[in-house]
PDB file of N, CA and C in Angstrom:
ATOM      1  N   UNK A   1     -25.201  40.300   5.482  1.00  0.00           N
ATOM      2  CA  UNK A   1     -25.306  39.043   6.203  1.00  0.00           C
ATOM      3  C   UNK A   1     -25.722  39.337   7.640  1.00  0.00           C
ATOM      4  N   UNK A   2     -26.703  38.613   8.092  1.00  0.00           N
ATOM      5  CA  UNK A   2     -27.198  38.780   9.449  1.00  0.00           C
ATOM      6  C   UNK A   2     -26.595  37.696  10.333  1.00  0.00           C
ATOM      7  N   UNK A   3     -26.072  38.108  11.476  1.00  0.00           N
ATOM      8  CA  UNK A   3     -25.471  37.157  12.407  1.00  0.00           C
ATOM      9  C   UNK A   3     -26.542  36.565  13.304  1.00  0.00           C
ATOM     10  N   UNK A   4     -26.399  35.287  13.586  1.00  0.00           N
ATOM     11  CA  UNK A   4     -27.340  34.615  14.480  1.00  0.00           C
ATOM     12  C   UNK A   4     -26.596  34.264  15.768  1.00  0.00           C
ATOM     13  N   UNK A   5     -26.918  34.934  16.837  1.00  0.00           N
ATOM     14  CA  UNK A   5     -26.272  34.706  18.120  1.00  0.00           C
ATOM     15  C   UNK A   5     -27.028  33.633  18.892  1.00  0.00           C
ATOM     16  N   UNK A   6     -26.267  32.737  19.536  1.00  0.00           N
ATOM     17  CA  UNK A   6     -26.868  31.654  20.308  1.00  0.00           C
ATOM     18  C   UNK A   6     -26.188  31.564  21.666  1.00  0.00           C
ATOM     19  N   UNK A   7     -26.887  30.992  22.626  1.00  0.00           N
ATOM     20  CA  UNK A   7     -26.346  30.808  23.969  1.00  0.00           C
ATOM     21  C   UNK A   7     -25.717  29.424  24.055  1.00  0.00           C
ATOM     22  N   UNK A   8     -24.548  29.280  23.454  1.00  0.00           N
ATOM     23  CA  UNK A   8     -23.869  27.981  23.442  1.00  0.00           C
ATOM     24  C   UNK A   8     -22.409  28.173  23.816  1.00  0.00           C
ATOM     25  N   UNK A   9     -21.880  27.206  24.544  1.00  0.00           N
ATOM     26  CA  UNK A   9     -20.468  27.206  24.909  1.00  0.00           C
ATOM     27  C   UNK A   9     -19.831  25.949  24.351  1.00  0.00           C
ATOM     28  N   UNK A  10     -18.561  26.045  24.044  1.00  0.00           N
ATOM     29  CA  UNK A  10     -17.829  24.882  23.568  1.00  0.00           C
ATOM     30  C   UNK A  10     -17.674  23.899  24.732  1.00  0.00           C
ATOM     31  N   UNK A  11     -18.007  22.625  24.524  1.00  0.00           N
ATOM     32  CA  UNK A  11     -17.872  21.654  25.622  1.00  0.00           C
ATOM     33  C   UNK A  11     -16.402  21.461  25.995  1.00  0.00           C
ATOM     34  N   UNK A  12     -16.169  21.263  27.291  1.00  0.00           N
ATOM     35  CA  UNK A  12     -14.800  21.079  27.762  1.00  0.00           C
ATOM     36  C   UNK A  12     -14.239  19.730  27.344  1.00  0.00           C
ATOM     37  N   UNK A  13     -15.075  18.721  27.351  1.00  0.00           N
ATOM     38  CA  UNK A  13     -14.641  17.380  26.955  1.00  0.00           C
ATOM     39  C   UNK A  13     -15.523  16.907  25.802  1.00  0.00           C
ATOM     40  N   UNK A  14     -14.871  16.380  24.783  1.00  0.00           N
ATOM     41  CA  UNK A  14     -15.607  15.881  23.622  1.00  0.00           C
ATOM     42  C   UNK A  14     -15.933  14.412  23.851  1.00  0.00           C
ATOM     43  N   UNK A  15     -17.117  14.022  23.469  1.00  0.00           N
ATOM     44  CA  UNK A  15     -17.541  12.634  23.519  1.00  0.00           C
ATOM     45  C   UNK A  15     -16.531  11.782  22.737  1.00  0.00           C
ATOM     46  N   UNK A  16     -16.131  10.645  23.274  1.00  0.00           N
ATOM     47  CA  UNK A  16     -15.122   9.795  22.635  1.00  0.00           C
ATOM     48  C   UNK A  16     -15.566   9.320  21.256  1.00  0.00           C
ATOM     49  N   UNK A  17     -16.834   9.027  21.093  1.00  0.00           N
ATOM     50  CA  UNK A  17     -17.338   8.566  19.793  1.00  0.00           C
ATOM     51  C   UNK A  17     -17.204   9.669  18.758  1.00  0.00           C
ATOM     52  N   UNK A  18     -17.590  10.878  19.130  1.00  0.00           N
ATOM     53  CA  UNK A  18     -17.497  12.019  18.212  1.00  0.00           C
ATOM     54  C   UNK A  18     -16.039  12.304  17.876  1.00  0.00           C
ATOM     55  N   UNK A  19     -15.170  12.185  18.856  1.00  0.00           N
ATOM     56  CA  UNK A  19     -13.750  12.429  18.639  1.00  0.00           C
ATOM     57  C   UNK A  19     -13.168  11.425  17.641  1.00  0.00           C
ATOM     58  N   UNK A  20     -13.530  10.147  17.772  1.00  0.00           N
ATOM     59  CA  UNK A  20     -13.046   9.133  16.829  1.00  0.00           C
ATOM     60  C   UNK A  20     -13.589   9.394  15.429  1.00  0.00           C
ATOM     61  N   UNK A  21     -14.859   9.776  15.349  1.00  0.00           N
ATOM     62  CA  UNK A  21     -15.448  10.098  14.042  1.00  0.00           C
ATOM     63  C   UNK A  21     -14.695  11.249  13.386  1.00  0.00           C
ATOM     64  N   UNK A  22     -14.440  12.307  14.150  1.00  0.00           N
ATOM     65  CA  UNK A  22     -13.750  13.476  13.602  1.00  0.00           C
ATOM     66  C   UNK A  22     -12.347  13.122  13.134  1.00  0.00           C
ATOM     67  N   UNK A  23     -11.661  12.296  13.898  1.00  0.00           N
ATOM     68  CA  UNK A  23     -10.311  11.883  13.525  1.00  0.00           C
ATOM     69  C   UNK A  23     -10.332  11.119  12.200  1.00  0.00           C
ATOM     70  N   UNK A  24     -11.270  10.194  12.058  1.00  0.00           N
ATOM     71  CA  UNK A  24     -11.358   9.403  10.832  1.00  0.00           C
ATOM     72  C   UNK A  24     -11.798  10.263   9.648  1.00  0.00           C
ATOM     73  N   UNK A  25     -12.711  11.184   9.863  1.00  0.00           N
ATOM     74  CA  UNK A  25     -13.158  12.067   8.779  1.00  0.00           C
ATOM     75  C   UNK A  25     -12.002  12.925   8.272  1.00  0.00           C
ATOM     76  N   UNK A  26     -11.145  13.404   9.172  1.00  0.00           N
ATOM     77  CA  UNK A  26      -9.965  14.176   8.738  1.00  0.00           C
ATOM     78  C   UNK A  26      -9.074  13.340   7.832  1.00  0.00           C
ATOM     79  N   UNK A  27      -8.850  12.094   8.207  1.00  0.00           N
ATOM     80  CA  UNK A  27      -8.010  11.206   7.381  1.00  0.00           C
ATOM     81  C   UNK A  27      -8.689  10.887   6.048  1.00  0.00           C
ATOM     82  N   UNK A  28      -9.998  10.697   6.050  1.00  0.00           N
ATOM     83  CA  UNK A  28     -10.714  10.437   4.801  1.00  0.00           C
ATOM     84  C   UNK A  28     -10.600  11.652   3.884  1.00  0.00           C
ATOM     85  N   UNK A  29     -10.725  12.857   4.438  1.00  0.00           N
ATOM     86  CA  UNK A  29     -10.573  14.071   3.628  1.00  0.00           C
ATOM     87  C   UNK A  29      -9.180  14.140   3.004  1.00  0.00           C
ATOM     88  N   UNK A  30      -8.151  13.754   3.758  1.00  0.00           N
ATOM     89  CA  UNK A  30      -6.790  13.717   3.208  1.00  0.00           C
ATOM     90  C   UNK A  30      -6.695  12.716   2.067  1.00  0.00           C
ATOM     91  N   UNK A  31      -7.331  11.562   2.227  1.00  0.00           N
ATOM     92  CA  UNK A  31      -7.299  10.537   1.182  1.00  0.00           C
ATOM     93  C   UNK A  31      -8.040  11.006  -0.071  1.00  0.00           C
ATOM     94  N   UNK A  32      -9.149  11.700   0.098  1.00  0.00           N
ATOM     95  CA  UNK A  32      -9.884  12.236  -1.051  1.00  0.00           C
ATOM     96  C   UNK A  32      -8.989  13.198  -1.827  1.00  0.00           C
ATOM     97  N   UNK A  33      -8.282  14.075  -1.116  1.00  0.00           N
ATOM     98  CA  UNK A  33      -7.361  15.003  -1.781  1.00  0.00           C
ATOM     99  C   UNK A  33      -6.253  14.255  -2.510  1.00  0.00           C
ATOM    100  N   UNK A  34      -5.681  13.237  -1.869  1.00  0.00           N
ATOM    101  CA  UNK A  34      -4.619  12.452  -2.512  1.00  0.00           C
ATOM    102  C   UNK A  34      -5.104  11.809  -3.804  1.00  0.00           C
ATOM    103  N   UNK A  35      -6.270  11.214  -3.760  1.00  0.00           N
ATOM    104  CA  UNK A  35      -6.788  10.498  -4.926  1.00  0.00           C
ATOM    105  C   UNK A  35      -7.189  11.469  -6.027  1.00  0.00           C
ATOM    106  N   UNK A  36      -7.767  12.612  -5.668  1.00  0.00           N
ATOM    107  CA  UNK A  36      -8.154  13.581  -6.684  1.00  0.00           C
ATOM    108  C   UNK A  36      -6.937  14.203  -7.359  1.00  0.00           C
ATOM    109  N   UNK A  37      -5.814  14.250  -6.655  1.00  0.00           N
ATOM    110  CA  UNK A  37      -4.595  14.807  -7.228  1.00  0.00           C
ATOM    111  C   UNK A  37      -3.705  13.748  -7.868  1.00  0.00           C
ATOM    112  N   UNK A  38      -4.142  12.499  -7.882  1.00  0.00           N
ATOM    113  CA  UNK A  38      -3.357  11.421  -8.493  1.00  0.00           C
ATOM    114  C   UNK A  38      -3.253  11.670  -9.997  1.00  0.00           C
ATOM    115  N   UNK A  39      -2.060  11.486 -10.514  1.00  0.00           N
ATOM    116  CA  UNK A  39      -1.825  11.733 -11.937  1.00  0.00           C
ATOM    117  C   UNK A  39      -1.848  10.423 -12.704  1.00  0.00           C
ATOM    118  N   UNK A  40      -2.591  10.386 -13.792  1.00  0.00           N
ATOM    119  CA  UNK A  40      -2.662   9.220 -14.677  1.00  0.00           C
ATOM    120  C   UNK A  40      -3.067   7.950 -13.934  1.00  0.00           C
ATOM    121  N   UNK A  41      -3.841   8.088 -12.882  1.00  0.00           N
ATOM    122  CA  UNK A  41      -4.307   6.919 -12.145  1.00  0.00           C
ATOM    123  C   UNK A  41      -3.266   6.316 -11.221  1.00  0.00           C
ATOM    124  N   UNK A  42      -2.088   6.938 -11.135  1.00  0.00           N
ATOM    125  CA  UNK A  42      -1.040   6.429 -10.242  1.00  0.00           C
ATOM    126  C   UNK A  42      -1.255   7.007  -8.851  1.00  0.00           C
ATOM    127  N   UNK A  43      -1.405   6.135  -7.903  1.00  0.00           N
ATOM    128  CA  UNK A  43      -1.706   6.552  -6.538  1.00  0.00           C
ATOM    129  C   UNK A  43      -0.425   6.729  -5.731  1.00  0.00           C
ATOM    130  N   UNK A  44      -0.381   7.720  -4.844  1.00  0.00           N
ATOM    131  CA  UNK A  44       0.791   7.884  -3.988  1.00  0.00           C
ATOM    132  C   UNK A  44       0.909   6.742  -2.983  1.00  0.00           C
ATOM    133  N   UNK A  45       2.099   6.570  -2.450  1.00  0.00           N
ATOM    134  CA  UNK A  45       2.358   5.490  -1.494  1.00  0.00           C
ATOM    135  C   UNK A  45       1.471   5.566  -0.261  1.00  0.00           C
ATOM    136  N   UNK A  46       1.141   6.768   0.152  1.00  0.00           N
ATOM    137  CA  UNK A  46       0.365   6.942   1.381  1.00  0.00           C
ATOM    138  C   UNK A  46      -1.135   6.748   1.174  1.00  0.00           C
ATOM    139  N   UNK A  47      -1.537   6.421  -0.031  1.00  0.00           N
ATOM    140  CA  UNK A  47      -2.956   6.242  -0.332  1.00  0.00           C
ATOM    141  C   UNK A  47      -3.470   4.944   0.271  1.00  0.00           C
ATOM    142  N   UNK A  48      -4.737   4.948   0.663  1.00  0.00           N
ATOM    143  CA  UNK A  48      -5.383   3.741   1.172  1.00  0.00           C
ATOM    144  C   UNK A  48      -5.803   2.827   0.033  1.00  0.00           C
ATOM    145  N   UNK A  49      -5.750   3.312  -1.189  1.00  0.00           N
ATOM    146  CA  UNK A  49      -6.175   2.526  -2.350  1.00  0.00           C
ATOM    147  C   UNK A  49      -4.957   1.909  -3.034  1.00  0.00           C
ATOM    148  N   UNK A  50      -5.183   0.778  -3.695  1.00  0.00           N
ATOM    149  CA  UNK A  50      -4.142   0.135  -4.484  1.00  0.00           C
ATOM    150  C   UNK A  50      -4.796  -0.595  -5.645  1.00  0.00           C
ATOM    151  N   UNK A  51      -3.976  -1.013  -6.597  1.00  0.00           N
ATOM    152  CA  UNK A  51      -4.477  -1.702  -7.783  1.00  0.00           C
ATOM    153  C   UNK A  51      -4.090  -3.169  -7.679  1.00  0.00           C
ATOM    154  N   UNK A  52      -5.078  -4.067  -7.865  1.00  0.00           N
ATOM    155  CA  UNK A  52      -4.772  -5.495  -7.805  1.00  0.00           C
ATOM    156  C   UNK A  52      -4.297  -5.985  -9.173  1.00  0.00           C
ATOM    157  N   UNK A  53      -4.012  -7.280  -9.275  1.00  0.00           N
ATOM    158  CA  UNK A  53      -3.468  -7.840 -10.514  1.00  0.00           C
ATOM    159  C   UNK A  53      -4.476  -7.842 -11.664  1.00  0.00           C
ATOM    160  N   UNK A  54      -5.752  -7.642 -11.376  1.00  0.00           N
ATOM    161  CA  UNK A  54      -6.782  -7.589 -12.419  1.00  0.00           C
ATOM    162  C   UNK A  54      -7.039  -6.161 -12.898  1.00  0.00           C
ATOM    163  N   UNK A  55      -6.349  -5.193 -12.301  1.00  0.00           N
ATOM    164  CA  UNK A  55      -6.534  -3.799 -12.682  1.00  0.00           C
ATOM    165  C   UNK A  55      -7.640  -3.084 -11.929  1.00  0.00           C
ATOM    166  N   UNK A  56      -8.216  -3.743 -10.952  1.00  0.00           N
ATOM    167  CA  UNK A  56      -9.264  -3.123 -10.129  1.00  0.00           C
ATOM    168  C   UNK A  56      -8.612  -2.347  -8.981  1.00  0.00           C
ATOM    169  N   UNK A  57      -9.243  -1.251  -8.631  1.00  0.00           N
ATOM    170  CA  UNK A  57      -8.787  -0.476  -7.490  1.00  0.00           C
ATOM    171  C   UNK A  57      -9.454  -1.035  -6.238  1.00  0.00           C
ATOM    172  N   UNK A  58      -8.665  -1.235  -5.210  1.00  0.00           N
ATOM    173  CA  UNK A  58      -9.171  -1.696  -3.915  1.00  0.00           C
ATOM    174  C   UNK A  58      -8.893  -0.603  -2.893  1.00  0.00           C
ATOM    175  N   UNK A  59      -9.813  -0.429  -1.985  1.00  0.00           N
ATOM    176  CA  UNK A  59      -9.715   0.638  -1.003  1.00  0.00           C
ATOM    177  C   UNK A  59     -10.024   0.077   0.371  1.00  0.00           C
ATOM    178  N   UNK A  60      -9.110   0.292   1.306  1.00  0.00           N
ATOM    179  CA  UNK A  60      -9.418  -0.063   2.690  1.00  0.00           C
ATOM    180  C   UNK A  60      -9.422   1.212   3.520  1.00  0.00           C
ATOM    181  N   UNK A  61     -10.213   1.220   4.553  1.00  0.00           N
ATOM    182  CA  UNK A  61     -10.342   2.371   5.437  1.00  0.00           C
ATOM    183  C   UNK A  61      -9.535   2.059   6.687  1.00  0.00           C
ATOM    184  N   UNK A  62      -8.630   2.971   7.021  1.00  0.00           N
ATOM    185  CA  UNK A  62      -7.738   2.716   8.145  1.00  0.00           C
ATOM    186  C   UNK A  62      -8.032   3.659   9.306  1.00  0.00           C
ATOM    187  N   UNK A  63      -7.955   3.104  10.495  1.00  0.00           N
ATOM    188  CA  UNK A  63      -8.000   3.893  11.721  1.00  0.00           C
ATOM    189  C   UNK A  63      -6.663   3.643  12.394  1.00  0.00           C
ATOM    190  N   UNK A  64      -5.796   4.630  12.386  1.00  0.00           N
ATOM    191  CA  UNK A  64      -4.413   4.408  12.796  1.00  0.00           C
ATOM    192  C   UNK A  64      -3.757   3.542  11.740  1.00  0.00           C
ATOM    193  N   UNK A  65      -3.131   2.470  12.162  1.00  0.00           N
ATOM    194  CA  UNK A  65      -2.529   1.537  11.206  1.00  0.00           C
ATOM    195  C   UNK A  65      -3.434   0.344  10.929  1.00  0.00           C
ATOM    196  N   UNK A  66      -4.575   0.286  11.601  1.00  0.00           N
ATOM    197  CA  UNK A  66      -5.488  -0.848  11.457  1.00  0.00           C
ATOM    198  C   UNK A  66      -6.509  -0.602  10.359  1.00  0.00           C
ATOM    199  N   UNK A  67      -6.754  -1.619   9.546  1.00  0.00           N
ATOM    200  CA  UNK A  67      -7.855  -1.557   8.583  1.00  0.00           C
ATOM    201  C   UNK A  67      -9.150  -1.866   9.317  1.00  0.00           C
ATOM    202  N   UNK A  68     -10.177  -1.120   9.000  1.00  0.00           N
ATOM    203  CA  UNK A  68     -11.478  -1.311   9.636  1.00  0.00           C
ATOM    204  C   UNK A  68     -12.239  -2.405   8.903  1.00  0.00           C
ATOM    205  N   UNK A  69     -12.828  -3.316   9.678  1.00  0.00           N
ATOM    206  CA  UNK A  69     -13.657  -4.374   9.094  1.00  0.00           C
ATOM    207  C   UNK A  69     -15.013  -3.756   8.743  1.00  0.00           C
ATOM    208  N   UNK A  70     -15.249  -3.600   7.439  1.00  0.00           N
ATOM    209  CA  UNK A  70     -16.449  -2.918   6.965  1.00  0.00           C
ATOM    210  C   UNK A  70     -17.677  -3.811   7.018  1.00  0.00           C
ATOM    211  N   UNK A  71     -17.492  -5.082   6.704  1.00  0.00           N
ATOM    212  CA  UNK A  71     -18.510  -6.115   6.866  1.00  0.00           C
ATOM    213  C   UNK A  71     -17.789  -7.328   7.419  1.00  0.00           C
ATOM    214  N   UNK A  72     -18.523  -8.320   7.848  1.00  0.00           N
ATOM    215  CA  UNK A  72     -17.925  -9.513   8.448  1.00  0.00           C
ATOM    216  C   UNK A  72     -16.874 -10.110   7.506  1.00  0.00           C
ATOM    217  N   UNK A  73     -15.605 -10.043   7.911  1.00  0.00           N
ATOM    218  CA  UNK A  73     -14.512 -10.621   7.141  1.00  0.00           C
ATOM    219  C   UNK A  73     -14.103  -9.820   5.915  1.00  0.00           C
ATOM    220  N   UNK A  74     -14.649  -8.620   5.729  1.00  0.00           N
ATOM    221  CA  UNK A  74     -14.337  -7.810   4.547  1.00  0.00           C
ATOM    222  C   UNK A  74     -13.737  -6.479   4.983  1.00  0.00           C
ATOM    223  N   UNK A  75     -12.520  -6.246   4.510  1.00  0.00           N
ATOM    224  CA  UNK A  75     -11.783  -5.059   4.916  1.00  0.00           C
ATOM    225  C   UNK A  75     -11.559  -4.072   3.778  1.00  0.00           C
ATOM    226  N   UNK A  76     -11.962  -4.406   2.551  1.00  0.00           N
ATOM    227  CA  UNK A  76     -11.701  -3.543   1.402  1.00  0.00           C
ATOM    228  C   UNK A  76     -12.947  -3.394   0.540  1.00  0.00           C
ATOM    229  N   UNK A  77     -12.935  -2.347  -0.276  1.00  0.00           N
ATOM    230  CA  UNK A  77     -14.016  -2.065  -1.220  1.00  0.00           C
ATOM    231  C   UNK A  77     -13.405  -2.071  -2.613  1.00  0.00           C
ATOM    232  N   UNK A  78     -14.035  -2.776  -3.549  1.00  0.00           N
ATOM    233  CA  UNK A  78     -13.547  -2.831  -4.925  1.00  0.00           C
ATOM    234  C   UNK A  78     -14.132  -1.664  -5.716  1.00  0.00           C
ATOM    235  N   UNK A  79     -13.261  -0.969  -6.461  1.00  0.00           N
ATOM    236  CA  UNK A  79     -13.670   0.176  -7.274  1.00  0.00           C
ATOM    237  C   UNK A  79     -13.177  -0.036  -8.700  1.00  0.00           C
ATOM    238  N   UNK A  80     -13.917   0.501  -9.672  1.00  0.00           N
ATOM    239  CA  UNK A  80     -13.551   0.332 -11.074  1.00  0.00           C
ATOM    240  C   UNK A  80     -12.416   1.252 -11.505  1.00  0.00           C
ATOM    241  N   UNK A  81     -12.389   2.478 -10.986  1.00  0.00           N
ATOM    242  CA  UNK A  81     -11.373   3.442 -11.403  1.00  0.00           C
ATOM    243  C   UNK A  81     -11.109   4.444 -10.279  1.00  0.00           C
ATOM    244  N   UNK A  82     -10.210   5.391 -10.553  1.00  0.00           N
ATOM    245  CA  UNK A  82      -9.829   6.375  -9.542  1.00  0.00           C
ATOM    246  C   UNK A  82     -11.022   7.250  -9.155  1.00  0.00           C
ATOM    247  N   UNK A  83     -11.830   7.633 -10.135  1.00  0.00           N
ATOM    248  CA  UNK A  83     -12.983   8.488  -9.841  1.00  0.00           C
ATOM    249  C   UNK A  83     -13.962   7.789  -8.902  1.00  0.00           C
ATOM    250  N   UNK A  84     -14.186   6.508  -9.137  1.00  0.00           N
ATOM    251  CA  UNK A  84     -15.092   5.755  -8.266  1.00  0.00           C
ATOM    252  C   UNK A  84     -14.510   5.650  -6.859  1.00  0.00           C
ATOM    253  N   UNK A  85     -13.188   5.513  -6.771  1.00  0.00           N
ATOM    254  CA  UNK A  85     -12.526   5.444  -5.469  1.00  0.00           C
ATOM    255  C   UNK A  85     -12.801   6.714  -4.669  1.00  0.00           C
ATOM    256  N   UNK A  86     -12.712   7.846  -5.338  1.00  0.00           N
ATOM    257  CA  UNK A  86     -12.992   9.122  -4.683  1.00  0.00           C
ATOM    258  C   UNK A  86     -14.450   9.199  -4.228  1.00  0.00           C
ATOM    259  N   UNK A  87     -15.374   8.733  -5.067  1.00  0.00           N
ATOM    260  CA  UNK A  87     -16.799   8.746  -4.715  1.00  0.00           C
ATOM    261  C   UNK A  87     -17.088   7.815  -3.540  1.00  0.00           C
ATOM    262  N   UNK A  88     -16.404   6.674  -3.509  1.00  0.00           N
ATOM    263  CA  UNK A  88     -16.578   5.730  -2.399  1.00  0.00           C
ATOM    264  C   UNK A  88     -16.113   6.369  -1.089  1.00  0.00           C
ATOM    265  N   UNK A  89     -14.994   7.095  -1.135  1.00  0.00           N
ATOM    266  CA  UNK A  89     -14.507   7.766   0.071  1.00  0.00           C
ATOM    267  C   UNK A  89     -15.512   8.800   0.576  1.00  0.00           C
ATOM    268  N   UNK A  90     -16.149   9.519  -0.337  1.00  0.00           N
ATOM    269  CA  UNK A  90     -17.168  10.491   0.069  1.00  0.00           C
ATOM    270  C   UNK A  90     -18.339   9.769   0.744  1.00  0.00           C
ATOM    271  N   UNK A  91     -18.733   8.619   0.190  1.00  0.00           N
ATOM    272  CA  UNK A  91     -19.820   7.829   0.780  1.00  0.00           C
ATOM    273  C   UNK A  91     -19.435   7.317   2.166  1.00  0.00           C
ATOM    274  N   UNK A  92     -18.212   6.807   2.299  1.00  0.00           N
ATOM    275  CA  UNK A  92     -17.727   6.316   3.600  1.00  0.00           C
ATOM    276  C   UNK A  92     -17.687   7.463   4.604  1.00  0.00           C
ATOM    277  N   UNK A  93     -17.274   8.641   4.152  1.00  0.00           N
ATOM    278  CA  UNK A  93     -17.236   9.817   5.018  1.00  0.00           C
ATOM    279  C   UNK A  93     -18.632  10.095   5.588  1.00  0.00           C
ATOM    280  N   UNK A  94     -19.652  10.035   4.746  1.00  0.00           N
ATOM    281  CA  UNK A  94     -21.023  10.253   5.204  1.00  0.00           C
ATOM    282  C   UNK A  94     -21.452   9.165   6.194  1.00  0.00           C
ATOM    283  N   UNK A  95     -21.034   7.925   5.931  1.00  0.00           N
ATOM    284  CA  UNK A  95     -21.359   6.823   6.842  1.00  0.00           C
ATOM    285  C   UNK A  95     -20.732   7.050   8.215  1.00  0.00           C
ATOM    286  N   UNK A  96     -19.490   7.538   8.229  1.00  0.00           N
ATOM    287  CA  UNK A  96     -18.809   7.808   9.501  1.00  0.00           C
ATOM    288  C   UNK A  96     -19.547   8.904  10.260  1.00  0.00           C
ATOM    289  N   UNK A  97     -19.896   9.980   9.567  1.00  0.00           N
ATOM    290  CA  UNK A  97     -20.580  11.096  10.225  1.00  0.00           C
ATOM    291  C   UNK A  97     -21.958  10.711  10.749  1.00  0.00           C
ATOM    292  N   UNK A  98     -22.628   9.788  10.070  1.00  0.00           N
ATOM    293  CA  UNK A  98     -23.960   9.369  10.521  1.00  0.00           C
ATOM    294  C   UNK A  98     -23.899   8.282  11.596  1.00  0.00           C
ATOM    295  N   UNK A  99     -22.692   7.761  11.881  1.00  0.00           N
ATOM    296  CA  UNK A  99     -22.546   6.782  12.957  1.00  0.00           C
ATOM    297  C   UNK A  99     -22.652   5.339  12.516  1.00  0.00           C
ATOM    298  N   UNK A 100     -22.726   5.086  11.207  1.00  0.00           N
ATOM    299  CA  UNK A 100     -22.863   3.712  10.716  1.00  0.00           C
ATOM    300  C   UNK A 100     -21.644   2.843  11.011  1.00  0.00           C
ATOM    301  N   UNK A 101     -20.480   3.464  11.173  1.00  0.00           N
ATOM    302  CA  UNK A 101     -19.253   2.689  11.396  1.00  0.00           C
ATOM    303  C   UNK A 101     -18.713   2.843  12.819  1.00  0.00           C
ATOM    304  N   UNK A 102     -19.555   3.258  13.752  1.00  0.00           N
ATOM    305  CA  UNK A 102     -19.093   3.469  15.128  1.00  0.00           C
ATOM    306  C   UNK A 102     -18.536   2.198  15.764  1.00  0.00           C
ATOM    307  N   UNK A 103     -19.186   1.063  15.570  1.00  0.00           N
ATOM    308  CA  UNK A 103     -18.712  -0.185  16.180  1.00  0.00           C
ATOM    309  C   UNK A 103     -17.347  -0.611  15.635  1.00  0.00           C
ATOM    310  N   UNK A 104     -17.143  -0.654  14.303  1.00  0.00           N
ATOM    311  CA  UNK A 104     -15.808  -1.013  13.807  1.00  0.00           C
ATOM    312  C   UNK A 104     -14.728  -0.009  14.217  1.00  0.00           C
ATOM    313  N   UNK A 105     -15.083   1.271  14.277  1.00  0.00           N
ATOM    314  CA  UNK A 105     -14.111   2.283  14.697  1.00  0.00           C
ATOM    315  C   UNK A 105     -13.744   2.070  16.161  1.00  0.00           C
ATOM    316  N   UNK A 106     -14.727   1.798  17.008  1.00  0.00           N
ATOM    317  CA  UNK A 106     -14.468   1.550  18.430  1.00  0.00           C
ATOM    318  C   UNK A 106     -13.598   0.316  18.612  1.00  0.00           C
ATOM    319  N   UNK A 107     -13.834  -0.711  17.813  1.00  0.00           N
ATOM    320  CA  UNK A 107     -13.017  -1.922  17.894  1.00  0.00           C
ATOM    321  C   UNK A 107     -11.570  -1.625  17.500  1.00  0.00           C
ATOM    322  N   UNK A 108     -11.373  -0.881  16.416  1.00  0.00           N
ATOM    323  CA  UNK A 108     -10.017  -0.527  15.987  1.00  0.00           C
ATOM    324  C   UNK A 108      -9.334   0.342  17.032  1.00  0.00           C
ATOM    325  N   UNK A 109     -10.074   1.262  17.619  1.00  0.00           N
ATOM    326  CA  UNK A 109      -9.529   2.126  18.659  1.00  0.00           C
ATOM    327  C   UNK A 109      -9.119   1.309  19.882  1.00  0.00           C
ATOM    328  N   UNK A 110      -9.940   0.338  20.256  1.00  0.00           N
ATOM    329  CA  UNK A 110      -9.619  -0.536  21.388  1.00  0.00           C
ATOM    330  C   UNK A 110      -8.363  -1.352  21.145  1.00  0.00           C
ATOM    331  N   UNK A 111      -8.183  -1.821  19.912  1.00  0.00           N
ATOM    332  CA  UNK A 111      -6.973  -2.580  19.572  1.00  0.00           C
ATOM    333  C   UNK A 111      -5.733  -1.705  19.681  1.00  0.00           C
ATOM    334  N   UNK A 112      -5.851  -0.457  19.273  1.00  0.00           N
ATOM    335  CA  UNK A 112      -4.720   0.468  19.371  1.00  0.00           C
ATOM    336  C   UNK A 112      -4.384   0.728  20.837  1.00  0.00           C
ATOM    337  N   UNK A 113      -5.406   1.011  21.650  1.00  0.00           N
ATOM    338  CA  UNK A 113      -5.173   1.283  23.075  1.00  0.00           C
ATOM    339  C   UNK A 113      -4.590   0.073  23.790  1.00  0.00           C
ATOM    340  N   UNK A 114      -4.988  -1.127  23.398  1.00  0.00           N
ATOM    341  CA  UNK A 114      -4.492  -2.345  24.044  1.00  0.00           C
ATOM    342  C   UNK A 114      -2.995  -2.516  23.822  1.00  0.00           C
ATOM    343  N   UNK A 115      -2.496  -2.051  22.694  1.00  0.00           N
ATOM    344  CA  UNK A 115      -1.061  -2.191  22.405  1.00  0.00           C
ATOM    345  C   UNK A 115      -0.203  -1.260  23.243  1.00  0.00           C
ATOM    346  N   UNK A 116      -0.761  -0.161  23.732  1.00  0.00           N
ATOM    347  CA  UNK A 116       0.030   0.790  24.500  1.00  0.00           C
ATOM    348  C   UNK A 116       0.499   0.210  25.829  1.00  0.00           C
ATOM    349  N   UNK A 117      -0.277  -0.633  26.464  1.00  0.00           N
ATOM    350  CA  UNK A 117       0.081  -1.168  27.766  1.00  0.00           C
ATOM    351  C   UNK A 117       0.987  -2.378  27.732  1.00  0.00           C
ATOM    352  N   UNK A 118       1.344  -2.878  26.559  1.00  0.00           N
ATOM    353  CA  UNK A 118       2.088  -4.135  26.464  1.00  0.00           C
ATOM    354  C   UNK A 118       3.597  -3.949  26.362  1.00  0.00           C
ATOM    355  N   UNK A 119       4.101  -2.786  26.656  1.00  0.00           N
ATOM    356  CA  UNK A 119       5.552  -2.574  26.539  1.00  0.00           C
ATOM    357  C   UNK A 119       6.267  -2.810  27.813  1.00  0.00           C
TER     358      UNK A 119
END
């Protein structure tokens, strides 16, 4: 293996947008692991997914304790089964990394920060 040396230093301060993306991607990776390890389709309590009364899996993406509004007035994604739920999380992960969800993430982050000053 040949090493490729570059003249780069780690930045002292990370861009806030990149930091929020990284935080959400870490949580999405945890959710993917939880869902892939789910036994017999039973999801753990800490999962972002749940089963509705029709037997469909619903998945919401959370930033902190807030659900992110994915489209106008829509906070969840409907999935047919556990495998699809895992695939949807991988797709959402790619959307976060490409910046498609920066505005909803920034809004959720702002709501969290606003609560800190109200005590």
